[in-house]
Amino acid sequence: LGLIYGHTGLQRFIDCVGVPRTKELFLTGRNFDGTRAAEIGLVHEVHPAAEIDELSLALAAEVAAGAPLSLRGNKHVIETLSQFPRLSPKQVEEMVELRRSCFASEDFREGVRAFGEKRQPRWQGR
């Protein structure tokens, strides 16, 4: 296309596949398929197109079955760590407080009870 790609997108590629692979992809402009994307670490799974809807719904159901507070908290921590590999003292305190609040939640108590009773937890998001 004859353009310089955006730095944020390129940074994501570098974080995902490293500098050498990013250079290969963006300096050569080579096309690649899903198998190649998996080989270089750009994606972690490849499936036939006919299976995507079913697999996507199954994954969504699996994620949705998790504890809402835990899901939200873990997503926040992962996003923060991916953007700021070295956390500031304020960010560290935020992570510690987030974890403390989870331990104080009704959902955490329900999870512990359900585990002990060998049953599926009933999450409330509280």
Protein backbone atom coordinates (compact mmCIF):
# COMPACT_ATOMS: atom_id res chain seq x y z
CA LEU A 1 0.00 0.00 0.00
CA GLY A 2 2.98 2.29 0.35
CA LEU A 3 2.19 3.53 3.83
CA ILE A 4 3.79 3.68 7.25
CA TYR A 5 1.71 1.67 9.67
CA GLY A 6 0.51 3.14 12.96
CA HIS A 7 2.93 2.80 15.84
CA THR A 8 0.34 1.35 18.23
CA GLY A 9 -0.54 -1.47 15.85
CA LEU A 10 3.11 -2.18 15.15
CA GLN A 11 3.82 -2.24 18.88
CA ARG A 12 1.09 -4.85 19.32
CA PHE A 13 2.71 -6.98 16.63
CA ILE A 14 6.14 -6.57 18.25
CA ASP A 15 4.70 -7.56 21.63
CA CYS A 16 3.01 -10.57 20.07
CA VAL A 17 5.56 -11.97 17.60
CA GLY A 18 8.78 -10.03 18.27
CA VAL A 19 10.81 -7.56 16.22
CA PRO A 20 12.21 -9.99 13.60
CA ARG A 21 8.77 -11.41 12.68
CA THR A 22 7.21 -7.95 12.67
CA LYS A 23 9.89 -6.79 10.25
CA GLU A 24 9.33 -9.84 8.08
CA LEU A 25 5.58 -9.25 7.92
CA PHE A 26 5.59 -5.50 7.38
CA LEU A 27 8.69 -5.08 5.24
CA THR A 28 7.89 -7.90 2.82
CA GLY A 29 4.12 -7.52 2.69
CA ARG A 30 3.79 -11.29 2.28
CA ASN A 31 0.35 -12.81 2.66
CA PHE A 32 -0.03 -15.63 5.15
CA ASP A 33 -2.77 -18.01 6.22
CA GLY A 34 -4.05 -19.09 9.61
CA THR A 35 -1.58 -21.94 9.90
CA ARG A 36 1.35 -19.55 9.39
CA ALA A 37 -0.21 -17.09 11.86
CA ALA A 38 -0.28 -19.88 14.46
CA GLU A 39 3.29 -20.92 13.66
CA ILE A 40 4.64 -17.44 14.39
CA GLY A 41 2.51 -16.89 17.49
CA LEU A 42 0.13 -14.32 16.04
CA VAL A 43 -2.85 -16.51 16.95
CA HIS A 44 -3.02 -19.46 19.31
CA GLU A 45 -5.68 -21.55 17.56
CA VAL A 46 -6.78 -22.15 13.97
CA HIS A 47 -10.11 -23.76 13.09
CA PRO A 48 -12.08 -24.38 9.91
CA ALA A 49 -14.45 -21.52 9.08
CA ALA A 50 -17.47 -23.83 9.40
CA GLU A 51 -16.67 -24.40 13.10
CA ILE A 52 -16.08 -20.78 14.13
CA ASP A 53 -19.65 -19.92 15.20
CA GLU A 54 -20.02 -23.01 17.37
CA LEU A 55 -16.56 -22.65 18.92
CA SER A 56 -17.06 -18.93 19.56
CA LEU A 57 -20.36 -19.53 21.33
CA ALA A 58 -18.82 -22.32 23.42
CA LEU A 59 -15.92 -20.08 24.44
CA ALA A 60 -18.29 -17.21 25.27
CA ALA A 61 -20.40 -19.53 27.44
CA GLU A 62 -17.30 -20.81 29.22
CA VAL A 63 -16.11 -17.28 29.99
CA ALA A 64 -19.60 -16.13 30.99
CA ALA A 65 -19.81 -18.97 33.53
CA GLY A 66 -16.97 -17.38 35.52
CA ALA A 67 -17.31 -15.09 38.51
CA PRO A 68 -18.09 -11.59 37.19
CA LEU A 69 -15.89 -9.74 39.70
CA SER A 70 -12.99 -12.08 39.07
CA LEU A 71 -13.39 -11.83 35.29
CA ARG A 72 -13.49 -8.04 35.38
CA GLY A 73 -10.57 -7.82 37.80
CA ASN A 74 -8.36 -10.27 35.93
CA LYS A 75 -9.13 -8.56 32.63
CA HIS A 76 -8.16 -5.21 34.15
CA VAL A 77 -4.90 -6.57 35.60
CA ILE A 78 -3.95 -8.27 32.32
CA GLU A 79 -4.68 -5.11 30.31
CA THR A 80 -2.72 -2.95 32.76
CA LEU A 81 0.27 -5.30 32.77
CA SER A 82 0.25 -5.50 28.98
CA GLN A 83 0.43 -1.70 28.75
CA PHE A 84 2.71 -1.07 31.74
CA PRO A 85 5.10 -4.00 32.35
CA ARG A 86 6.67 -2.02 35.21
CA LEU A 87 3.88 -0.85 37.48
CA SER A 88 4.07 2.40 39.37
CA PRO A 89 3.59 2.24 43.17
CA LYS A 90 0.07 3.62 42.65
CA GLN A 91 -0.72 0.87 40.14
CA VAL A 92 0.67 -1.80 42.47
CA GLU A 93 -1.56 -0.51 45.27
CA GLU A 94 -4.53 -0.54 42.89
CA MET A 95 -3.83 -4.20 42.03
CA VAL A 96 -3.50 -5.12 45.72
CA GLU A 97 -6.75 -3.33 46.57
CA LEU A 98 -8.54 -4.98 43.67
CA ARG A 99 -7.45 -8.38 44.97
CA ARG A 100 -8.46 -7.49 48.55
CA SER A 101 -11.91 -6.45 47.37
CA CYS A 102 -12.31 -9.79 45.61
CA PHE A 103 -11.46 -11.71 48.79
CA ALA A 104 -14.11 -9.67 50.63
CA SER A 105 -16.82 -10.37 48.03
CA GLU A 106 -19.88 -12.58 48.31
CA ASP A 107 -18.78 -14.31 45.12
CA PHE A 108 -15.47 -15.35 46.69
CA ARG A 109 -17.30 -16.84 49.69
CA GLU A 110 -19.70 -18.60 47.30
CA GLY A 111 -16.77 -19.97 45.29
CA VAL A 112 -15.12 -21.39 48.40
CA ARG A 113 -18.42 -22.93 49.55
CA ALA A 114 -19.13 -24.42 46.12
CA PHE A 115 -15.63 -25.87 45.91
CA GLY A 116 -16.00 -27.49 49.34
CA GLU A 117 -19.44 -28.82 48.44
CA LYS A 118 -18.23 -30.04 45.02
CA ARG A 119 -20.88 -28.09 43.12
CA GLN A 120 -20.99 -25.32 40.56
CA PRO A 121 -20.97 -21.84 42.13
CA ARG A 122 -23.89 -19.44 41.70
CA TRP A 123 -22.23 -16.08 41.02
CA GLN A 124 -24.02 -12.86 41.94
CA GLY A 125 -21.46 -10.28 40.87
CA ARG A 126 -21.15 -8.99 44.45
